[in-house]
Every structure is written in C-alpha cells, then in structure tokens.
Amino acid sequence: MARVASLLHYPIKGCAGTAACESALTAAGLAHDRSFMIVDADGVFRSQRRDPRLAQIRPEVDGDLDLLTLRAPGMDALPVEVRTEGPRNAVDLFGVPYAGIDQGERAAEWLTALLAAPSRLVRVPPDHDRVTGGETPGTAGYADSSALLMTSLASLDLLHARLVEQGGEPVPMNRFRPNIVVDGWDEPHTEDRARQVAIGDALLGYAKLAVRCAVTTVDQETGVRVGPEPLRTLAGYRRAEGGGVTFGAKFAVLRPGKLSVGDEVLVERWAQAEP
C-alpha cells in the first residue's frame, strides 16, 4: 500500500523547506507553500540557480501566517509581521509579470546583507490570479509551475543505485524539493503514470513531469553548489523527449482537503508516462 512518507512546504520560494505531519491543501498547494518570494532590485525572482545561499534561509511561519521569522547561519533571527494589504509591486517570475506585497525595509535589509545584493521580500496578494498549465490546469502561488511536486522513495532508490554503480554518493531527497514523498510503490517513477490521485479527502490531477535544473546540484544544508550530480546520472536514463532530465511529477489540486503523513495514496486513474 502506497502512503505519504513526507509532506514539505517552502514558505519562501527558493529557501529551505519545512516538514509537516499534516497540512491543509488549498487550490494553490500545501498551506504557506511559496507564499513569499525574494526579488532583486528589478523585481525579478531570486533562485538557487543563481543564488545557492538561499538554501540556508530557514523561514518559519505561525499557523495563521501572521508572523514570518527569517533565520540563517551567521545572522540574527528576524521576525517579520506579515503584510497582506498594501501597494502591489511588479514582480517577474520566469518572464511573466505578477504582483507582490512588499514586506518592508527590515526584511529587505536582512536579505540584502545575507545575499550581498539588493533584495526584497514580497508576498502573494490575496487577489493573486494565476493559471498553471499542463495536462491538468490549476493555480499556484510563486511555485515554478504547478501547485504540487510529488516524488517517491522508489525513484530515489533507483537513482542511488545508478550513482553508486558509477562510484558516486547518494543524494538526499531534499535536492529535489518535493511537496509529497510517497513510499510503498514497487516501481520507480510510478508517479509519472498517475493521472488522478486521492490522498486523504483531497484529489490531485497530473500536470506534467518535473524537468530538473541546477538547483538539484546545490547542497541544501550548506547552500553550496556541489554538482554535477545528480543531473549527470539522471541524464543517462531520464532524458525527456522535449529536452532536459526529469525526476518527479507535478500535480494540480482538483479538490482541496487535508493531507497527513501516513495517508494512503490511491491512484484512481493511470496512463502511460510521458516520453
């Protein structure tokens, strides 16, 4: 029987994740996931692709998202009272314009000092209206594309075997920054074939395969790029027809609900994996 092994949300896009025993699932994903984003002086989002030290920022949110606390090695913790109203700043996510509510000068100064580059923190506005694509359309906060990223322990086990065969070292699942990790599937990459998935009282619809980037080569504990693995090994057996290498699958939320570690993962509809 397949079950949820881990649930993780990432309050600030590109920063460290937080494990949860249970979480509300909204139309835009797990509660608080990618609700905030760090942008540069031009409003363009910052990512571990260019700023790997983002991995060392460990945000903590209270239950109602009234307070966000920023933590990082060598920095004093900074509590930020979350602003949900106010002027909208223009922000850029992969060349697409959105809006963000600026979270103030103290947060901007803290991030600028840590990253050694002008930076500001913005939050998704309450009226954020974003449509995500893929086989099942949906919505999301500041996530790269779809609301949820699902991986499985079986897929990671296969990658580890391939890495060891080549004399390499295993990599932790956090390199892939999933929201839902599934245990109990016998076949690696079973998530690629799941088209409609019921977990708890929620329902998910498959959107697309997750094409991986240089973020997977960043050590999520140190914020240091240590590549070329796992991309080099994945390229040997997970190269997508449209380009890039894949690991995990992205899903839209068809029915919100509550998810818990240990919930059964019931696939209600299957299909062939994308080439």
C-alpha atoms as a PDB file:
ATOM      1  CA  MET A   1       0.000   0.000   0.000  1.00  0.00           C
ATOM      2  CA  ALA A   2       1.395   3.393  -1.011  1.00  0.00           C
ATOM      3  CA  ARG A   3       1.393   6.045   1.692  1.00  0.00           C
ATOM      4  CA  VAL A   4       2.602   9.594   2.229  1.00  0.00           C
ATOM      5  CA  ALA A   5       6.097   9.372   3.714  1.00  0.00           C
ATOM      6  CA  SER A   6       6.766  13.118   3.931  1.00  0.00           C
ATOM      7  CA  LEU A   7       4.992  16.447   3.486  1.00  0.00           C
ATOM      8  CA  LEU A   8       7.052  19.586   2.927  1.00  0.00           C
ATOM      9  CA  HIS A   9       6.215  23.199   2.233  1.00  0.00           C
ATOM     10  CA  TYR A  10       8.544  26.035   1.279  1.00  0.00           C
ATOM     11  CA  PRO A  11       7.210  29.351   2.632  1.00  0.00           C
ATOM     12  CA  ILE A  12       9.734  31.419   0.652  1.00  0.00           C
ATOM     13  CA  LYS A  13      10.422  30.369  -2.913  1.00  0.00           C
ATOM     14  CA  GLY A  14      13.955  29.026  -3.219  1.00  0.00           C
ATOM     15  CA  CYS A  15      14.575  28.817   0.536  1.00  0.00           C
ATOM     16  CA  ALA A  16      14.630  25.868   2.928  1.00  0.00           C
ATOM     17  CA  GLY A  17      11.583  23.682   3.337  1.00  0.00           C
ATOM     18  CA  THR A  18       9.646  22.746   6.446  1.00  0.00           C
ATOM     19  CA  ALA A  19       8.438  19.214   7.135  1.00  0.00           C
ATOM     20  CA  ALA A  20       4.911  18.809   8.472  1.00  0.00           C
ATOM     21  CA  CYS A  21       2.996  15.892   9.954  1.00  0.00           C
ATOM     22  CA  GLU A  22      -0.194  17.261   8.420  1.00  0.00           C
ATOM     23  CA  SER A  23      -1.174  20.199   6.254  1.00  0.00           C
ATOM     24  CA  ALA A  24      -4.181  21.857   4.744  1.00  0.00           C
ATOM     25  CA  LEU A  25      -4.175  21.584   0.969  1.00  0.00           C
ATOM     26  CA  THR A  26      -5.529  24.624  -0.845  1.00  0.00           C
ATOM     27  CA  ALA A  27      -6.126  25.110  -4.553  1.00  0.00           C
ATOM     28  CA  ALA A  28      -2.626  26.636  -4.710  1.00  0.00           C
ATOM     29  CA  GLY A  29      -0.900  23.767  -2.865  1.00  0.00           C
ATOM     30  CA  LEU A  30       0.105  22.992   0.708  1.00  0.00           C
ATOM     31  CA  ALA A  31      -0.647  25.783   3.167  1.00  0.00           C
ATOM     32  CA  HIS A  32       2.016  28.531   3.032  1.00  0.00           C
ATOM     33  CA  ASP A  33       3.886  26.917   0.122  1.00  0.00           C
ATOM     34  CA  ARG A  34       5.724  29.550  -1.941  1.00  0.00           C
ATOM     35  CA  SER A  35       3.615  32.323  -0.433  1.00  0.00           C
ATOM     36  CA  PHE A  36       6.691  34.575  -0.366  1.00  0.00           C
ATOM     37  CA  MET A  37       9.409  35.321  -2.865  1.00  0.00           C
ATOM     38  CA  ILE A  38      12.732  37.176  -2.799  1.00  0.00           C
ATOM     39  CA  VAL A  39      13.275  39.561  -5.700  1.00  0.00           C
ATOM     40  CA  ASP A  40      16.156  41.690  -6.911  1.00  0.00           C
ATOM     41  CA  ALA A  41      16.173  45.451  -7.465  1.00  0.00           C
ATOM     42  CA  ASP A  42      14.259  44.976 -10.739  1.00  0.00           C
ATOM     43  CA  GLY A  43      11.597  42.735  -9.193  1.00  0.00           C
ATOM     44  CA  VAL A  44      12.992  39.551 -10.783  1.00  0.00           C
ATOM     45  CA  PHE A  45      12.737  36.495  -8.546  1.00  0.00           C
ATOM     46  CA  ARG A  46      15.850  35.096  -6.941  1.00  0.00           C
ATOM     47  CA  SER A  47      16.515  31.377  -7.283  1.00  0.00           C
ATOM     48  CA  GLN A  48      19.110  28.887  -6.133  1.00  0.00           C
ATOM     49  CA  ARG A  49      20.060  28.654  -9.786  1.00  0.00           C
ATOM     50  CA  ARG A  50      21.919  31.962  -9.326  1.00  0.00           C
ATOM     51  CA  ASP A  51      21.854  32.382  -5.540  1.00  0.00           C
ATOM     52  CA  PRO A  52      22.502  28.959  -3.972  1.00  0.00           C
ATOM     53  CA  ARG A  53      22.825  30.509  -0.497  1.00  0.00           C
ATOM     54  CA  LEU A  54      19.039  30.870  -0.472  1.00  0.00           C
ATOM     55  CA  ALA A  55      19.030  27.248   0.704  1.00  0.00           C
ATOM     56  CA  GLN A  56      20.382  28.399   4.077  1.00  0.00           C
ATOM     57  CA  ILE A  57      17.457  30.717   4.745  1.00  0.00           C
ATOM     58  CA  ARG A  58      15.114  28.799   7.021  1.00  0.00           C
ATOM     59  CA  PRO A  59      11.772  30.574   7.266  1.00  0.00           C
ATOM     60  CA  GLU A  60       9.273  29.761   9.995  1.00  0.00           C
ATOM     61  CA  VAL A  61       5.620  30.724   9.837  1.00  0.00           C
ATOM     62  CA  ASP A  62       2.993  30.732  12.548  1.00  0.00           C
ATOM     63  CA  GLY A  63      -0.255  28.873  11.977  1.00  0.00           C
ATOM     64  CA  ASP A  64      -2.191  31.877  10.683  1.00  0.00           C
ATOM     65  CA  LEU A  65       0.713  33.317   8.673  1.00  0.00           C
ATOM     66  CA  ASP A  66       0.699  36.480  10.782  1.00  0.00           C
ATOM     67  CA  LEU A  67       4.406  36.204  11.559  1.00  0.00           C
ATOM     68  CA  LEU A  68       7.316  35.036   9.433  1.00  0.00           C
ATOM     69  CA  THR A  69      10.708  34.514  11.087  1.00  0.00           C
ATOM     70  CA  LEU A  70      13.842  34.550   8.956  1.00  0.00           C
ATOM     71  CA  ARG A  71      16.835  32.522  10.113  1.00  0.00           C
ATOM     72  CA  ALA A  72      20.241  31.846   8.523  1.00  0.00           C
ATOM     73  CA  PRO A  73      23.724  30.925   9.774  1.00  0.00           C
ATOM     74  CA  GLY A  74      25.640  33.969  10.961  1.00  0.00           C
ATOM     75  CA  MET A  75      22.536  36.176  11.028  1.00  0.00           C
ATOM     76  CA  ASP A  76      20.287  37.243  13.884  1.00  0.00           C
ATOM     77  CA  ALA A  77      16.784  35.847  13.557  1.00  0.00           C
ATOM     78  CA  LEU A  78      14.373  38.419  12.151  1.00  0.00           C
ATOM     79  CA  PRO A  79      10.640  38.330  12.936  1.00  0.00           C
ATOM     80  CA  VAL A  80       8.558  39.880  10.158  1.00  0.00           C
ATOM     81  CA  GLU A  81       4.931  40.861  10.679  1.00  0.00           C
ATOM     82  CA  VAL A  82       3.298  39.676   7.508  1.00  0.00           C
ATOM     83  CA  ARG A  83       1.652  42.320   5.357  1.00  0.00           C
ATOM     84  CA  THR A  84      -1.363  41.101   3.417  1.00  0.00           C
ATOM     85  CA  GLU A  85      -2.520  44.505   2.249  1.00  0.00           C
ATOM     86  CA  GLY A  86      -0.761  47.456   0.687  1.00  0.00           C
ATOM     87  CA  PRO A  87       0.642  48.576  -2.652  1.00  0.00           C
ATOM     88  CA  ARG A  88       1.397  45.876  -5.195  1.00  0.00           C
ATOM     89  CA  ASN A  89       4.927  45.775  -6.569  1.00  0.00           C
ATOM     90  CA  ALA A  90       5.541  44.450 -10.064  1.00  0.00           C
ATOM     91  CA  VAL A  91       7.486  41.167  -9.905  1.00  0.00           C
ATOM     92  CA  ASP A  92       8.837  38.882 -12.605  1.00  0.00           C
ATOM     93  CA  LEU A  93       8.628  35.070 -12.448  1.00  0.00           C
ATOM     94  CA  PHE A  94      10.211  33.422 -15.484  1.00  0.00           C
ATOM     95  CA  GLY A  95       9.420  36.484 -17.566  1.00  0.00           C
ATOM     96  CA  VAL A  96       5.735  36.522 -16.558  1.00  0.00           C
ATOM     97  CA  PRO A  97       4.532  39.627 -14.699  1.00  0.00           C
ATOM     98  CA  TYR A  98       2.803  39.203 -11.332  1.00  0.00           C
ATOM     99  CA  ALA A  99       2.283  41.352  -8.261  1.00  0.00           C
ATOM    100  CA  GLY A 100       3.736  41.102  -4.768  1.00  0.00           C
ATOM    101  CA  ILE A 101       3.075  42.894  -1.491  1.00  0.00           C
ATOM    102  CA  ASP A 102       6.381  44.212  -0.180  1.00  0.00           C
ATOM    103  CA  GLN A 103       7.231  43.030   3.360  1.00  0.00           C
ATOM    104  CA  GLY A 104       9.173  46.088   4.451  1.00  0.00           C
ATOM    105  CA  GLU A 105      12.624  47.553   4.908  1.00  0.00           C
ATOM    106  CA  ARG A 106      13.828  45.339   7.753  1.00  0.00           C
ATOM    107  CA  ALA A 107      13.302  42.191   5.715  1.00  0.00           C
ATOM    108  CA  ALA A 108      14.913  43.835   2.694  1.00  0.00           C
ATOM    109  CA  GLU A 109      17.971  44.897   4.704  1.00  0.00           C
ATOM    110  CA  TRP A 110      18.350  41.420   6.264  1.00  0.00           C
ATOM    111  CA  LEU A 111      18.181  39.669   2.882  1.00  0.00           C
ATOM    112  CA  THR A 112      20.449  42.214   1.201  1.00  0.00           C
ATOM    113  CA  ALA A 113      23.091  41.685   3.885  1.00  0.00           C
ATOM    114  CA  LEU A 114      22.899  37.896   3.612  1.00  0.00           C
ATOM    115  CA  LEU A 115      22.921  37.698  -0.179  1.00  0.00           C
ATOM    116  CA  ALA A 116      25.278  40.671  -0.710  1.00  0.00           C
ATOM    117  CA  ALA A 117      22.936  42.042  -3.364  1.00  0.00           C
ATOM    118  CA  PRO A 118      19.845  44.297  -3.256  1.00  0.00           C
ATOM    119  CA  SER A 119      16.893  42.102  -2.332  1.00  0.00           C
ATOM    120  CA  ARG A 120      13.311  42.474  -1.159  1.00  0.00           C
ATOM    121  CA  LEU A 121      10.697  40.102   0.180  1.00  0.00           C
ATOM    122  CA  VAL A 122       7.212  40.031  -1.332  1.00  0.00           C
ATOM    123  CA  ARG A 123       4.060  38.069  -0.568  1.00  0.00           C
ATOM    124  CA  VAL A 124       1.362  36.712  -2.855  1.00  0.00           C
ATOM    125  CA  PRO A 125      -1.573  39.160  -2.767  1.00  0.00           C
ATOM    126  CA  PRO A 126      -4.982  37.843  -1.667  1.00  0.00           C
ATOM    127  CA  ASP A 127      -6.272  38.506  -5.188  1.00  0.00           C
ATOM    128  CA  HIS A 128      -3.395  36.610  -6.856  1.00  0.00           C
ATOM    129  CA  ASP A 129      -4.874  35.141 -10.038  1.00  0.00           C
ATOM    130  CA  ARG A 130      -2.579  32.664 -11.743  1.00  0.00           C
ATOM    131  CA  VAL A 131      -3.452  29.799 -14.047  1.00  0.00           C
ATOM    132  CA  THR A 132      -0.910  26.992 -14.313  1.00  0.00           C
ATOM    133  CA  GLY A 133      -0.671  24.757 -17.358  1.00  0.00           C
ATOM    134  CA  GLY A 134      -0.039  21.108 -18.100  1.00  0.00           C
ATOM    135  CA  GLU A 135      -2.403  18.210 -18.627  1.00  0.00           C
ATOM    136  CA  THR A 136      -4.478  19.396 -15.641  1.00  0.00           C
ATOM    137  CA  PRO A 137      -4.647  23.191 -15.291  1.00  0.00           C
ATOM    138  CA  GLY A 138      -4.654  24.680 -11.817  1.00  0.00           C
ATOM    139  CA  THR A 139      -3.250  27.546  -9.814  1.00  0.00           C
ATOM    140  CA  ALA A 140      -0.235  28.181  -7.574  1.00  0.00           C
ATOM    141  CA  GLY A 141       1.483  30.870  -5.545  1.00  0.00           C
ATOM    142  CA  TYR A 142       5.063  31.564  -6.592  1.00  0.00           C
ATOM    143  CA  ALA A 143       5.912  27.912  -7.356  1.00  0.00           C
ATOM    144  CA  ASP A 144       7.753  27.323 -10.627  1.00  0.00           C
ATOM    145  CA  SER A 145       4.649  25.904 -12.293  1.00  0.00           C
ATOM    146  CA  SER A 146       2.100  23.590 -10.672  1.00  0.00           C
ATOM    147  CA  ALA A 147       0.800  23.532  -7.109  1.00  0.00           C
ATOM    148  CA  LEU A 148       2.453  20.267  -6.010  1.00  0.00           C
ATOM    149  CA  LEU A 149       5.589  18.262  -6.745  1.00  0.00           C
ATOM    150  CA  MET A 150       5.371  14.548  -5.966  1.00  0.00           C
ATOM    151  CA  THR A 151       8.321  12.153  -5.783  1.00  0.00           C
ATOM    152  CA  SER A 152       8.724   8.617  -4.482  1.00  0.00           C
ATOM    153  CA  LEU A 153      11.280   6.753  -2.415  1.00  0.00           C
ATOM    154  CA  ALA A 154      11.395   4.060  -5.123  1.00  0.00           C
ATOM    155  CA  SER A 155      12.546   6.665  -7.655  1.00  0.00           C
ATOM    156  CA  LEU A 156      15.248   7.880  -5.285  1.00  0.00           C
ATOM    157  CA  ASP A 157      16.377   4.301  -4.615  1.00  0.00           C
ATOM    158  CA  LEU A 158      16.915   3.757  -8.345  1.00  0.00           C
ATOM    159  CA  LEU A 159      18.900   6.971  -8.639  1.00  0.00           C
ATOM    160  CA  HIS A 160      21.042   5.932  -5.667  1.00  0.00           C
ATOM    161  CA  ALA A 161      21.768   2.574  -7.287  1.00  0.00           C
ATOM    162  CA  ARG A 162      22.839   4.297 -10.502  1.00  0.00           C
ATOM    163  CA  LEU A 163      25.020   6.769  -8.616  1.00  0.00           C
ATOM    164  CA  VAL A 164      26.760   4.008  -6.656  1.00  0.00           C
ATOM    165  CA  GLU A 165      27.320   1.988  -9.851  1.00  0.00           C
ATOM    166  CA  GLN A 166      29.305   4.939 -11.173  1.00  0.00           C
ATOM    167  CA  GLY A 167      31.299   5.342  -7.978  1.00  0.00           C
ATOM    168  CA  GLY A 168      29.243   8.287  -6.731  1.00  0.00           C
ATOM    169  CA  GLU A 169      27.478   9.053  -3.476  1.00  0.00           C
ATOM    170  CA  PRO A 170      23.716   9.039  -2.831  1.00  0.00           C
ATOM    171  CA  VAL A 171      21.956  12.408  -2.665  1.00  0.00           C
ATOM    172  CA  PRO A 172      19.156  13.269  -0.221  1.00  0.00           C
ATOM    173  CA  MET A 173      15.585  13.776  -1.383  1.00  0.00           C
ATOM    174  CA  ASN A 174      15.775  17.453  -0.402  1.00  0.00           C
ATOM    175  CA  ARG A 175      17.812  18.107  -3.550  1.00  0.00           C
ATOM    176  CA  PHE A 176      14.512  17.711  -5.438  1.00  0.00           C
ATOM    177  CA  ARG A 177      12.450  19.937  -3.121  1.00  0.00           C
ATOM    178  CA  PRO A 178       9.248  17.848  -3.218  1.00  0.00           C
ATOM    179  CA  ASN A 179       5.947  18.595  -1.504  1.00  0.00           C
ATOM    180  CA  ILE A 180       4.774  14.985  -1.246  1.00  0.00           C
ATOM    181  CA  VAL A 181       7.059  11.950  -0.965  1.00  0.00           C
ATOM    182  CA  VAL A 182       5.395   8.569  -1.463  1.00  0.00           C
ATOM    183  CA  ASP A 183       6.532   5.253  -0.003  1.00  0.00           C
ATOM    184  CA  GLY A 184       5.200   1.829  -0.994  1.00  0.00           C
ATOM    185  CA  TRP A 185       5.331   1.888  -4.784  1.00  0.00           C
ATOM    186  CA  ASP A 186       7.358  -1.069  -6.062  1.00  0.00           C
ATOM    187  CA  GLU A 187       8.306   0.511  -9.377  1.00  0.00           C
ATOM    188  CA  PRO A 188      10.477   3.635  -9.644  1.00  0.00           C
ATOM    189  CA  HIS A 189       8.784   6.662 -11.215  1.00  0.00           C
ATOM    190  CA  THR A 190       5.286   5.324 -10.666  1.00  0.00           C
ATOM    191  CA  GLU A 191       4.335   8.968 -10.053  1.00  0.00           C
ATOM    192  CA  ASP A 192       4.878   9.572 -13.784  1.00  0.00           C
ATOM    193  CA  ARG A 193       1.912   7.342 -14.648  1.00  0.00           C
ATOM    194  CA  ALA A 194      -0.556   8.549 -12.003  1.00  0.00           C
ATOM    195  CA  ARG A 195      -3.194  10.789 -13.558  1.00  0.00           C
ATOM    196  CA  GLN A 196      -5.718  11.211 -10.741  1.00  0.00           C
ATOM    197  CA  VAL A 197      -4.661  10.669  -7.136  1.00  0.00           C
ATOM    198  CA  ALA A 198      -6.746  10.666  -3.953  1.00  0.00           C
ATOM    199  CA  ILE A 199      -4.964  11.375  -0.659  1.00  0.00           C
ATOM    200  CA  GLY A 200      -7.000  11.891   2.488  1.00  0.00           C
ATOM    201  CA  ASP A 201     -10.036  13.870   1.378  1.00  0.00           C
ATOM    202  CA  ALA A 202      -8.101  15.677  -1.388  1.00  0.00           C
ATOM    203  CA  LEU A 203      -7.883  14.903  -5.099  1.00  0.00           C
ATOM    204  CA  LEU A 204      -4.919  15.688  -7.367  1.00  0.00           C
ATOM    205  CA  GLY A 205      -4.667  15.815 -11.150  1.00  0.00           C
ATOM    206  CA  TYR A 206      -1.460  15.173 -13.082  1.00  0.00           C
ATOM    207  CA  ALA A 207       0.004  18.229 -14.799  1.00  0.00           C
ATOM    208  CA  LYS A 208       3.464  17.363 -16.147  1.00  0.00           C
ATOM    209  CA  LEU A 209       6.797  15.732 -15.475  1.00  0.00           C
ATOM    210  CA  ALA A 210       9.213  17.760 -13.370  1.00  0.00           C
ATOM    211  CA  VAL A 211      12.166  18.817 -15.512  1.00  0.00           C
ATOM    212  CA  ARG A 212      15.132  19.297 -13.229  1.00  0.00           C
ATOM    213  CA  CYS A 213      17.655  22.130 -13.184  1.00  0.00           C
ATOM    214  CA  ALA A 214      20.884  23.148 -11.462  1.00  0.00           C
ATOM    215  CA  VAL A 215      19.090  23.549  -8.110  1.00  0.00           C
ATOM    216  CA  THR A 216      19.459  19.762  -7.688  1.00  0.00           C
ATOM    217  CA  THR A 217      23.244  20.242  -7.556  1.00  0.00           C
ATOM    218  CA  VAL A 218      23.030  22.579  -4.531  1.00  0.00           C
ATOM    219  CA  ASP A 219      23.682  21.091  -1.084  1.00  0.00           C
ATOM    220  CA  GLN A 220      20.522  22.156   0.764  1.00  0.00           C
ATOM    221  CA  GLU A 221      22.317  22.268   4.119  1.00  0.00           C
ATOM    222  CA  THR A 222      25.314  24.402   3.139  1.00  0.00           C
ATOM    223  CA  GLY A 223      23.902  26.413   0.232  1.00  0.00           C
ATOM    224  CA  VAL A 224      26.905  25.440  -1.906  1.00  0.00           C
ATOM    225  CA  ARG A 225      26.732  24.076  -5.459  1.00  0.00           C
ATOM    226  CA  VAL A 226      28.415  20.664  -5.494  1.00  0.00           C
ATOM    227  CA  GLY A 227      27.456  19.400  -8.991  1.00  0.00           C
ATOM    228  CA  PRO A 228      27.351  17.800 -11.487  1.00  0.00           C
ATOM    229  CA  GLU A 229      25.313  15.147  -9.681  1.00  0.00           C
ATOM    230  CA  PRO A 230      22.558  14.120  -9.752  1.00  0.00           C
ATOM    231  CA  LEU A 231      21.942  15.711 -13.163  1.00  0.00           C
ATOM    232  CA  ARG A 232      24.764  13.827 -14.860  1.00  0.00           C
ATOM    233  CA  THR A 233      23.454  10.436 -13.784  1.00  0.00           C
ATOM    234  CA  LEU A 234      19.809  11.313 -14.459  1.00  0.00           C
ATOM    235  CA  ALA A 235      20.795  12.315 -17.993  1.00  0.00           C
ATOM    236  CA  GLY A 236      21.770   8.701 -18.614  1.00  0.00           C
ATOM    237  CA  TYR A 237      18.259   7.315 -18.109  1.00  0.00           C
ATOM    238  CA  ARG A 238      15.750  10.138 -17.523  1.00  0.00           C
ATOM    239  CA  ARG A 239      16.214  12.401 -20.530  1.00  0.00           C
ATOM    240  CA  ALA A 240      12.881  13.834 -21.695  1.00  0.00           C
ATOM    241  CA  GLU A 241      11.853  13.866 -25.334  1.00  0.00           C
ATOM    242  CA  GLY A 242      11.395  17.635 -25.200  1.00  0.00           C
ATOM    243  CA  GLY A 243      14.779  18.210 -23.559  1.00  0.00           C
ATOM    244  CA  GLY A 244      16.133  18.179 -20.029  1.00  0.00           C
ATOM    245  CA  VAL A 245      16.047  15.413 -17.448  1.00  0.00           C
ATOM    246  CA  THR A 246      13.101  14.565 -15.217  1.00  0.00           C
ATOM    247  CA  PHE A 247      12.532  13.399 -11.661  1.00  0.00           C
ATOM    248  CA  GLY A 248       9.110  13.540 -10.020  1.00  0.00           C
ATOM    249  CA  ALA A 249       5.796  14.777 -11.341  1.00  0.00           C
ATOM    250  CA  LYS A 250       3.756  17.931 -10.852  1.00  0.00           C
ATOM    251  CA  PHE A 251       0.089  17.958  -9.916  1.00  0.00           C
ATOM    252  CA  ALA A 252      -2.758  20.439  -9.755  1.00  0.00           C
ATOM    253  CA  VAL A 253      -5.318  20.381  -6.949  1.00  0.00           C
ATOM    254  CA  LEU A 254      -8.728  19.163  -8.111  1.00  0.00           C
ATOM    255  CA  ARG A 255     -10.228  19.061  -4.625  1.00  0.00           C
ATOM    256  CA  PRO A 256      -8.660  20.765  -1.588  1.00  0.00           C
ATOM    257  CA  GLY A 257      -8.591  18.987   1.739  1.00  0.00           C
ATOM    258  CA  LYS A 258      -6.217  17.864   4.452  1.00  0.00           C
ATOM    259  CA  LEU A 259      -3.113  15.723   3.980  1.00  0.00           C
ATOM    260  CA  SER A 260      -1.257  13.784   6.671  1.00  0.00           C
ATOM    261  CA  VAL A 261       1.887  11.697   6.780  1.00  0.00           C
ATOM    262  CA  GLY A 262       0.707   8.082   6.647  1.00  0.00           C
ATOM    263  CA  ASP A 263      -2.303   8.794   4.420  1.00  0.00           C
ATOM    264  CA  GLU A 264      -2.949   6.199   1.754  1.00  0.00           C
ATOM    265  CA  VAL A 265      -2.078   7.316  -1.780  1.00  0.00           C
ATOM    266  CA  LEU A 266      -4.795   5.912  -4.025  1.00  0.00           C
ATOM    267  CA  VAL A 267      -4.330   6.277  -7.778  1.00  0.00           C
ATOM    268  CA  GLU A 268      -7.771   6.430  -9.357  1.00  0.00           C
ATOM    269  CA  ARG A 269      -6.595   6.763 -12.958  1.00  0.00           C
ATOM    270  CA  TRP A 270      -3.414   5.676 -14.720  1.00  0.00           C
ATOM    271  CA  ALA A 271      -1.833   6.433 -18.092  1.00  0.00           C
ATOM    272  CA  GLN A 272       1.418   5.849 -19.894  1.00  0.00           C
ATOM    273  CA  ALA A 273       4.273   8.036 -18.747  1.00  0.00           C
ATOM    274  CA  GLU A 274       5.196  10.929 -20.982  1.00  0.00           C
ATOM    275  CA  PRO A 275       8.181  10.187 -23.243  1.00  0.00           C
END
